[in-house]
């Protein structure tokens, strides 16, 4: 866990970027999309042709790269998505 204002450990960030680069789909849940460098992770997936799905109650800068924007809280949206599978 990383608290607001704390830097991500370099190895954790690198692993996340590598996973995002290999992802066919990345689901971003409940982030503002403005705290860097983590905000770049969904961008990596999108730039390499993967789909980004965003779950958030409100619009964020990720709206532009997300193929699907699901509006609502994670507690509302994720169970509904799981039930539809």
PDB file of N, CA and C in Angstrom:
ATOM      1  N   UNK A   1       0.836  -1.158   0.000  1.00  0.00           N
ATOM      2  CA  UNK A   1       0.000   0.000   0.000  1.00  0.00           C
ATOM      3  C   UNK A   1       0.890   1.232   0.000  1.00  0.00           C
ATOM      4  N   UNK A   2       0.467   2.240  -0.757  1.00  0.00           N
ATOM      5  CA  UNK A   2       1.182   3.510  -0.803  1.00  0.00           C
ATOM      6  C   UNK A   2       0.181   4.605  -0.462  1.00  0.00           C
ATOM      7  N   UNK A   3       0.522   5.435   0.481  1.00  0.00           N
ATOM      8  CA  UNK A   3      -0.353   6.522   0.886  1.00  0.00           C
ATOM      9  C   UNK A   3      -0.123   7.737   0.000  1.00  0.00           C
ATOM     10  N   UNK A   4      -1.118   8.601  -0.061  1.00  0.00           N
ATOM     11  CA  UNK A   4      -1.013   9.825  -0.856  1.00  0.00           C
ATOM     12  C   UNK A   4       0.231  10.594  -0.439  1.00  0.00           C
ATOM     13  N   UNK A   5       0.989  11.024  -1.432  1.00  0.00           N
ATOM     14  CA  UNK A   5       2.209  11.773  -1.179  1.00  0.00           C
ATOM     15  C   UNK A   5       3.452  10.920  -1.072  1.00  0.00           C
ATOM     16  N   UNK A   6       3.288   9.616  -0.927  1.00  0.00           N
ATOM     17  CA  UNK A   6       4.435   8.721  -0.855  1.00  0.00           C
ATOM     18  C   UNK A   6       4.807   8.264  -2.262  1.00  0.00           C
ATOM     19  N   UNK A   7       6.087   8.121  -2.535  1.00  0.00           N
ATOM     20  CA  UNK A   7       6.467   7.605  -3.852  1.00  0.00           C
ATOM     21  C   UNK A   7       6.229   6.100  -3.947  1.00  0.00           C
ATOM     22  N   UNK A   8       5.915   5.651  -5.148  1.00  0.00           N
ATOM     23  CA  UNK A   8       5.828   4.214  -5.384  1.00  0.00           C
ATOM     24  C   UNK A   8       7.240   3.642  -5.365  1.00  0.00           C
ATOM     25  N   UNK A   9       7.426   2.468  -4.796  1.00  0.00           N
ATOM     26  CA  UNK A   9       8.736   1.830  -4.904  1.00  0.00           C
ATOM     27  C   UNK A   9       9.062   1.599  -6.384  1.00  0.00           C
ATOM     28  N   UNK A  10      10.279   1.862  -6.779  1.00  0.00           N
ATOM     29  CA  UNK A  10      10.681   1.780  -8.188  1.00  0.00           C
ATOM     30  C   UNK A  10      10.393   0.412  -8.792  1.00  0.00           C
ATOM     31  N   UNK A  11      10.668  -0.656  -8.057  1.00  0.00           N
ATOM     32  CA  UNK A  11      10.445  -1.993  -8.604  1.00  0.00           C
ATOM     33  C   UNK A  11       8.952  -2.279  -8.779  1.00  0.00           C
ATOM     34  N   UNK A  12       8.126  -1.736  -7.910  1.00  0.00           N
ATOM     35  CA  UNK A  12       6.679  -1.910  -8.022  1.00  0.00           C
ATOM     36  C   UNK A  12       6.145  -1.166  -9.239  1.00  0.00           C
ATOM     37  N   UNK A  13       6.606   0.053  -9.430  1.00  0.00           N
ATOM     38  CA  UNK A  13       6.192   0.836 -10.595  1.00  0.00           C
ATOM     39  C   UNK A  13       6.633   0.157 -11.887  1.00  0.00           C
ATOM     40  N   UNK A  14       7.853  -0.327 -11.932  1.00  0.00           N
ATOM     41  CA  UNK A  14       8.355  -1.008 -13.127  1.00  0.00           C
ATOM     42  C   UNK A  14       7.536  -2.258 -13.432  1.00  0.00           C
ATOM     43  N   UNK A  15       7.214  -3.032 -12.412  1.00  0.00           N
ATOM     44  CA  UNK A  15       6.403  -4.235 -12.613  1.00  0.00           C
ATOM     45  C   UNK A  15       5.012  -3.867 -13.125  1.00  0.00           C
ATOM     46  N   UNK A  16       4.442  -2.795 -12.621  1.00  0.00           N
ATOM     47  CA  UNK A  16       3.115  -2.361 -13.072  1.00  0.00           C
ATOM     48  C   UNK A  16       3.145  -1.900 -14.527  1.00  0.00           C
ATOM     49  N   UNK A  17       4.170  -1.170 -14.898  1.00  0.00           N
ATOM     50  CA  UNK A  17       4.304  -0.710 -16.291  1.00  0.00           C
ATOM     51  C   UNK A  17       4.489  -1.902 -17.227  1.00  0.00           C
ATOM     52  N   UNK A  18       5.299  -2.876 -16.830  1.00  0.00           N
ATOM     53  CA  UNK A  18       5.499  -4.069 -17.655  1.00  0.00           C
ATOM     54  C   UNK A  18       4.198  -4.859 -17.803  1.00  0.00           C
ATOM     55  N   UNK A  19       3.447  -4.992 -16.717  1.00  0.00           N
ATOM     56  CA  UNK A  19       2.166  -5.702 -16.796  1.00  0.00           C
ATOM     57  C   UNK A  19       1.190  -4.941 -17.685  1.00  0.00           C
ATOM     58  N   UNK A  20       1.169  -3.625 -17.574  1.00  0.00           N
ATOM     59  CA  UNK A  20       0.287  -2.800 -18.406  1.00  0.00           C
ATOM     60  C   UNK A  20       0.661  -2.922 -19.874  1.00  0.00           C
ATOM     61  N   UNK A  21       1.941  -3.025 -20.165  1.00  0.00           N
ATOM     62  CA  UNK A  21       2.394  -3.152 -21.550  1.00  0.00           C
ATOM     63  C   UNK A  21       1.947  -4.480 -22.162  1.00  0.00           C
ATOM     64  N   UNK A  22       1.816  -5.507 -21.344  1.00  0.00           N
ATOM     65  CA  UNK A  22       1.410  -6.832 -21.828  1.00  0.00           C
ATOM     66  C   UNK A  22      -0.099  -7.059 -21.762  1.00  0.00           C
ATOM     67  N   UNK A  23      -0.832  -6.123 -21.177  1.00  0.00           N
ATOM     68  CA  UNK A  23      -2.256  -6.343 -20.914  1.00  0.00           C
ATOM     69  C   UNK A  23      -3.114  -6.160 -22.158  1.00  0.00           C
ATOM     70  N   UNK A  24      -4.052  -7.074 -22.336  1.00  0.00           N
ATOM     71  CA  UNK A  24      -5.091  -6.896 -23.345  1.00  0.00           C
ATOM     72  C   UNK A  24      -6.168  -5.965 -22.812  1.00  0.00           C
ATOM     73  N   UNK A  25      -6.413  -6.047 -21.498  1.00  0.00           N
ATOM     74  CA  UNK A  25      -7.417  -5.218 -20.827  1.00  0.00           C
ATOM     75  C   UNK A  25      -6.853  -4.778 -19.484  1.00  0.00           C
ATOM     76  N   UNK A  26      -7.012  -3.505 -19.173  1.00  0.00           N
ATOM     77  CA  UNK A  26      -6.642  -2.968 -17.873  1.00  0.00           C
ATOM     78  C   UNK A  26      -7.891  -2.324 -17.281  1.00  0.00           C
ATOM     79  N   UNK A  27      -8.222  -2.682 -16.055  1.00  0.00           N
ATOM     80  CA  UNK A  27      -9.371  -2.095 -15.379  1.00  0.00           C
ATOM     81  C   UNK A  27      -8.852  -1.153 -14.305  1.00  0.00           C
ATOM     82  N   UNK A  28      -9.204   0.102 -14.442  1.00  0.00           N
ATOM     83  CA  UNK A  28      -8.817   1.131 -13.486  1.00  0.00           C
ATOM     84  C   UNK A  28     -10.024   1.410 -12.601  1.00  0.00           C
ATOM     85  N   UNK A  29      -9.856   1.257 -11.291  1.00  0.00           N
ATOM     86  CA  UNK A  29     -10.986   1.381 -10.370  1.00  0.00           C
ATOM     87  C   UNK A  29     -10.715   2.489  -9.355  1.00  0.00           C
ATOM     88  N   UNK A  30     -11.569   3.503  -9.380  1.00  0.00           N
ATOM     89  CA  UNK A  30     -11.588   4.521  -8.340  1.00  0.00           C
ATOM     90  C   UNK A  30     -10.389   5.430  -8.234  1.00  0.00           C
ATOM     91  N   UNK A  31      -9.700   5.689  -9.307  1.00  0.00           N
ATOM     92  CA  UNK A  31      -8.558   6.596  -9.246  1.00  0.00           C
ATOM     93  C   UNK A  31      -8.905   7.926  -9.895  1.00  0.00           C
ATOM     94  N   UNK A  32      -8.252   8.972  -9.441  1.00  0.00           N
ATOM     95  CA  UNK A  32      -8.472  10.289 -10.037  1.00  0.00           C
ATOM     96  C   UNK A  32      -7.809  10.397 -11.401  1.00  0.00           C
ATOM     97  N   UNK A  33      -6.813   9.573 -11.633  1.00  0.00           N
ATOM     98  CA  UNK A  33      -6.094   9.619 -12.907  1.00  0.00           C
ATOM     99  C   UNK A  33      -5.170  10.807 -13.059  1.00  0.00           C
ATOM    100  N   UNK A  34      -4.851  11.457 -11.953  1.00  0.00           N
ATOM    101  CA  UNK A  34      -3.986  12.633 -12.039  1.00  0.00           C
ATOM    102  C   UNK A  34      -2.706  12.521 -11.215  1.00  0.00           C
ATOM    103  N   UNK A  35      -2.571  11.477 -10.426  1.00  0.00           N
ATOM    104  CA  UNK A  35      -1.374  11.333  -9.590  1.00  0.00           C
ATOM    105  C   UNK A  35      -0.325  10.553 -10.378  1.00  0.00           C
ATOM    106  N   UNK A  36       0.763  11.218 -10.685  1.00  0.00           N
ATOM    107  CA  UNK A  36       1.816  10.621 -11.495  1.00  0.00           C
ATOM    108  C   UNK A  36       2.933  10.137 -10.596  1.00  0.00           C
ATOM    109  N   UNK A  37       3.599   9.072 -10.959  1.00  0.00           N
ATOM    110  CA  UNK A  37       3.626   8.411 -12.258  1.00  0.00           C
ATOM    111  C   UNK A  37       2.558   7.336 -12.454  1.00  0.00           C
ATOM    112  N   UNK A  38       1.806   6.992 -11.404  1.00  0.00           N
ATOM    113  CA  UNK A  38       0.829   5.907 -11.534  1.00  0.00           C
ATOM    114  C   UNK A  38      -0.237   6.198 -12.587  1.00  0.00           C
ATOM    115  N   UNK A  39      -0.567   7.462 -12.803  1.00  0.00           N
ATOM    116  CA  UNK A  39      -1.584   7.823 -13.792  1.00  0.00           C
ATOM    117  C   UNK A  39      -1.178   7.438 -15.208  1.00  0.00           C
ATOM    118  N   UNK A  40       0.093   7.197 -15.417  1.00  0.00           N
ATOM    119  CA  UNK A  40       0.578   6.805 -16.749  1.00  0.00           C
ATOM    120  C   UNK A  40       0.352   5.321 -17.046  1.00  0.00           C
ATOM    121  N   UNK A  41       0.091   4.526 -16.039  1.00  0.00           N
ATOM    122  CA  UNK A  41      -0.017   3.080 -16.249  1.00  0.00           C
ATOM    123  C   UNK A  41      -1.134   2.721 -17.227  1.00  0.00           C
ATOM    124  N   UNK A  42      -2.356   3.245 -17.086  1.00  0.00           N
ATOM    125  CA  UNK A  42      -3.387   2.938 -18.085  1.00  0.00           C
ATOM    126  C   UNK A  42      -3.037   3.461 -19.481  1.00  0.00           C
ATOM    127  N   UNK A  43      -2.314   4.551 -19.525  1.00  0.00           N
ATOM    128  CA  UNK A  43      -1.884   5.116 -20.806  1.00  0.00           C
ATOM    129  C   UNK A  43      -1.007   4.121 -21.568  1.00  0.00           C
ATOM    130  N   UNK A  44      -0.177   3.384 -20.857  1.00  0.00           N
ATOM    131  CA  UNK A  44       0.697   2.389 -21.477  1.00  0.00           C
ATOM    132  C   UNK A  44      -0.137   1.326 -22.185  1.00  0.00           C
ATOM    133  N   UNK A  45      -1.137   0.803 -21.482  1.00  0.00           N
ATOM    134  CA  UNK A  45      -2.006  -0.213 -22.088  1.00  0.00           C
ATOM    135  C   UNK A  45      -2.685   0.337 -23.324  1.00  0.00           C
ATOM    136  N   UNK A  46      -3.251   1.522 -23.220  1.00  0.00           N
ATOM    137  CA  UNK A  46      -3.976   2.121 -24.350  1.00  0.00           C
ATOM    138  C   UNK A  46      -3.058   2.378 -25.541  1.00  0.00           C
ATOM    139  N   UNK A  47      -1.879   2.895 -25.298  1.00  0.00           N
ATOM    140  CA  UNK A  47      -0.949   3.203 -26.395  1.00  0.00           C
ATOM    141  C   UNK A  47      -0.496   1.949 -27.130  1.00  0.00           C
ATOM    142  N   UNK A  48      -0.496   0.808 -26.430  1.00  0.00           N
ATOM    143  CA  UNK A  48      -0.058  -0.438 -27.055  1.00  0.00           C
ATOM    144  C   UNK A  48      -1.233  -1.275 -27.568  1.00  0.00           C
ATOM    145  N   UNK A  49      -2.412  -0.661 -27.642  1.00  0.00           N
ATOM    146  CA  UNK A  49      -3.562  -1.312 -28.256  1.00  0.00           C
ATOM    147  C   UNK A  49      -4.477  -2.068 -27.324  1.00  0.00           C
ATOM    148  N   UNK A  50      -4.184  -2.065 -26.036  1.00  0.00           N
ATOM    149  CA  UNK A  50      -5.064  -2.729 -25.077  1.00  0.00           C
ATOM    150  C   UNK A  50      -6.254  -1.858 -24.731  1.00  0.00           C
ATOM    151  N   UNK A  51      -7.265  -2.469 -24.184  1.00  0.00           N
ATOM    152  CA  UNK A  51      -8.467  -1.749 -23.784  1.00  0.00           C
ATOM    153  C   UNK A  51      -8.356  -1.330 -22.323  1.00  0.00           C
ATOM    154  N   UNK A  52      -8.738  -0.089 -22.054  1.00  0.00           N
ATOM    155  CA  UNK A  52      -8.804   0.408 -20.684  1.00  0.00           C
ATOM    156  C   UNK A  52     -10.274   0.564 -20.323  1.00  0.00           C
ATOM    157  N   UNK A  53     -10.642  -0.017 -19.197  1.00  0.00           N
ATOM    158  CA  UNK A  53     -11.985   0.124 -18.649  1.00  0.00           C
ATOM    159  C   UNK A  53     -11.840   0.891 -17.340  1.00  0.00           C
ATOM    160  N   UNK A  54     -12.584   1.972 -17.222  1.00  0.00           N
ATOM    161  CA  UNK A  54     -12.504   2.793 -16.023  1.00  0.00           C
ATOM    162  C   UNK A  54     -13.798   2.665 -15.220  1.00  0.00           C
ATOM    163  N   UNK A  55     -13.650   2.451 -13.919  1.00  0.00           N
ATOM    164  CA  UNK A  55     -14.774   2.441 -12.992  1.00  0.00           C
ATOM    165  C   UNK A  55     -14.566   3.621 -12.059  1.00  0.00           C
ATOM    166  N   UNK A  56     -15.472   4.590 -12.128  1.00  0.00           N
ATOM    167  CA  UNK A  56     -15.333   5.784 -11.313  1.00  0.00           C
ATOM    168  C   UNK A  56     -16.670   6.506 -11.271  1.00  0.00           C
ATOM    169  N   UNK A  57     -17.029   7.099 -10.139  1.00  0.00           N
ATOM    170  CA  UNK A  57     -18.297   7.810 -10.074  1.00  0.00           C
ATOM    171  C   UNK A  57     -18.327   9.080 -10.928  1.00  0.00           C
ATOM    172  N   UNK A  58     -17.161   9.633 -11.227  1.00  0.00           N
ATOM    173  CA  UNK A  58     -17.116  10.881 -11.984  1.00  0.00           C
ATOM    174  C   UNK A  58     -16.073  10.821 -13.080  1.00  0.00           C
ATOM    175  N   UNK A  59     -16.158  11.779 -13.977  1.00  0.00           N
ATOM    176  CA  UNK A  59     -15.200  11.862 -15.077  1.00  0.00           C
ATOM    177  C   UNK A  59     -13.796  12.115 -14.536  1.00  0.00           C
ATOM    178  N   UNK A  60     -12.800  11.564 -15.250  1.00  0.00           N
ATOM    179  CA  UNK A  60     -11.390  11.783 -14.910  1.00  0.00           C
ATOM    180  C   UNK A  60     -10.626  11.987 -16.214  1.00  0.00           C
ATOM    181  N   UNK A  61      -9.366  12.355 -16.142  1.00  0.00           N
ATOM    182  CA  UNK A  61      -8.561  12.443 -17.359  1.00  0.00           C
ATOM    183  C   UNK A  61      -8.446  11.113 -18.106  1.00  0.00           C
ATOM    184  N   UNK A  62      -8.712   9.995 -17.438  1.00  0.00           N
ATOM    185  CA  UNK A  62      -8.658   8.697 -18.109  1.00  0.00           C
ATOM    186  C   UNK A  62      -9.821   8.473 -19.067  1.00  0.00           C
ATOM    187  N   UNK A  63     -10.857   9.294 -18.971  1.00  0.00           N
ATOM    188  CA  UNK A  63     -12.005   9.151 -19.878  1.00  0.00           C
ATOM    189  C   UNK A  63     -11.563   9.130 -21.339  1.00  0.00           C
ATOM    190  N   UNK A  64     -10.556   9.911 -21.661  1.00  0.00           N
ATOM    191  CA  UNK A  64     -10.095  10.035 -23.042  1.00  0.00           C
ATOM    192  C   UNK A  64      -9.466   8.754 -23.578  1.00  0.00           C
ATOM    193  N   UNK A  65      -8.838   7.976 -22.721  1.00  0.00           N
ATOM    194  CA  UNK A  65      -8.171   6.755 -23.191  1.00  0.00           C
ATOM    195  C   UNK A  65      -8.990   5.505 -22.928  1.00  0.00           C
ATOM    196  N   UNK A  66      -9.968   5.595 -22.031  1.00  0.00           N
ATOM    197  CA  UNK A  66     -10.777   4.429 -21.698  1.00  0.00           C
ATOM    198  C   UNK A  66     -11.733   4.100 -22.839  1.00  0.00           C
ATOM    199  N   UNK A  67     -11.785   2.829 -23.206  1.00  0.00           N
ATOM    200  CA  UNK A  67     -12.784   2.390 -24.189  1.00  0.00           C
ATOM    201  C   UNK A  67     -14.155   2.329 -23.561  1.00  0.00           C
ATOM    202  N   UNK A  68     -14.175   2.021 -22.259  1.00  0.00           N
ATOM    203  CA  UNK A  68     -15.433   1.938 -21.526  1.00  0.00           C
ATOM    204  C   UNK A  68     -15.277   2.706 -20.218  1.00  0.00           C
ATOM    205  N   UNK A  69     -16.240   3.595 -19.942  1.00  0.00           N
ATOM    206  CA  UNK A  69     -16.288   4.314 -18.679  1.00  0.00           C
ATOM    207  C   UNK A  69     -17.545   3.881 -17.951  1.00  0.00           C
ATOM    208  N   UNK A  70     -17.388   3.221 -16.826  1.00  0.00           N
ATOM    209  CA  UNK A  70     -18.510   2.762 -16.023  1.00  0.00           C
ATOM    210  C   UNK A  70     -18.648   3.706 -14.835  1.00  0.00           C
ATOM    211  N   UNK A  71     -19.737   4.453 -14.803  1.00  0.00           N
ATOM    212  CA  UNK A  71     -19.944   5.445 -13.753  1.00  0.00           C
ATOM    213  C   UNK A  71     -20.640   4.827 -12.547  1.00  0.00           C
ATOM    214  N   UNK A  72     -20.033   5.020 -11.401  1.00  0.00           N
ATOM    215  CA  UNK A  72     -20.558   4.543 -10.139  1.00  0.00           C
ATOM    216  C   UNK A  72     -19.414   4.139  -9.240  1.00  0.00           C
ATOM    217  N   UNK A  73     -19.746   3.830  -8.015  1.00  0.00           N
ATOM    218  CA  UNK A  73     -18.704   3.399  -7.079  1.00  0.00           C
ATOM    219  C   UNK A  73     -18.281   1.974  -7.395  1.00  0.00           C
ATOM    220  N   UNK A  74     -17.113   1.618  -6.947  1.00  0.00           N
ATOM    221  CA  UNK A  74     -16.631   0.245  -7.133  1.00  0.00           C
ATOM    222  C   UNK A  74     -17.587  -0.742  -6.474  1.00  0.00           C
ATOM    223  N   UNK A  75     -18.147  -0.371  -5.331  1.00  0.00           N
ATOM    224  CA  UNK A  75     -19.064  -1.254  -4.613  1.00  0.00           C
ATOM    225  C   UNK A  75     -20.342  -1.517  -5.399  1.00  0.00           C
ATOM    226  N   UNK A  76     -20.725  -0.596  -6.259  1.00  0.00           N
ATOM    227  CA  UNK A  76     -21.917  -0.776  -7.093  1.00  0.00           C
ATOM    228  C   UNK A  76     -21.584  -1.466  -8.408  1.00  0.00           C
ATOM    229  N   UNK A  77     -20.543  -0.975  -9.065  1.00  0.00           N
ATOM    230  CA  UNK A  77     -20.254  -1.394 -10.436  1.00  0.00           C
ATOM    231  C   UNK A  77     -19.630  -2.782 -10.507  1.00  0.00           C
ATOM    232  N   UNK A  78     -18.637  -3.068  -9.685  1.00  0.00           N
ATOM    233  CA  UNK A  78     -17.924  -4.334  -9.813  1.00  0.00           C
ATOM    234  C   UNK A  78     -18.803  -5.561  -9.573  1.00  0.00           C
ATOM    235  N   UNK A  79     -19.676  -5.565  -8.554  1.00  0.00           N
ATOM    236  CA  UNK A  79     -20.570  -6.722  -8.416  1.00  0.00           C
ATOM    237  C   UNK A  79     -21.514  -6.882  -9.614  1.00  0.00           C
ATOM    238  N   UNK A  80     -21.968  -5.775 -10.181  1.00  0.00           N
ATOM    239  CA  UNK A  80     -22.849  -5.854 -11.359  1.00  0.00           C
ATOM    240  C   UNK A  80     -22.095  -6.426 -12.546  1.00  0.00           C
ATOM    241  N   UNK A  81     -20.846  -6.043 -12.734  1.00  0.00           N
ATOM    242  CA  UNK A  81     -20.038  -6.585 -13.823  1.00  0.00           C
ATOM    243  C   UNK A  81     -19.817  -8.087 -13.605  1.00  0.00           C
ATOM    244  N   UNK A  82     -19.453  -8.459 -12.392  1.00  0.00           N
ATOM    245  CA  UNK A  82     -19.206  -9.876 -12.082  1.00  0.00           C
ATOM    246  C   UNK A  82     -20.471 -10.709 -12.300  1.00  0.00           C
ATOM    247  N   UNK A  83     -21.601 -10.176 -11.940  1.00  0.00           N
ATOM    248  CA  UNK A  83     -22.862 -10.912 -12.100  1.00  0.00           C
ATOM    249  C   UNK A  83     -23.223 -11.099 -13.565  1.00  0.00           C
ATOM    250  N   UNK A  84     -22.739 -10.219 -14.418  1.00  0.00           N
ATOM    251  CA  UNK A  84     -23.081 -10.319 -15.835  1.00  0.00           C
ATOM    252  C   UNK A  84     -22.172 -11.279 -16.608  1.00  0.00           C
ATOM    253  N   UNK A  85     -21.114 -11.744 -15.972  1.00  0.00           N
ATOM    254  CA  UNK A  85     -20.165 -12.642 -16.649  1.00  0.00           C
ATOM    255  C   UNK A  85     -20.679 -14.063 -16.701  1.00  0.00           C
TER     256      UNK A  85
END
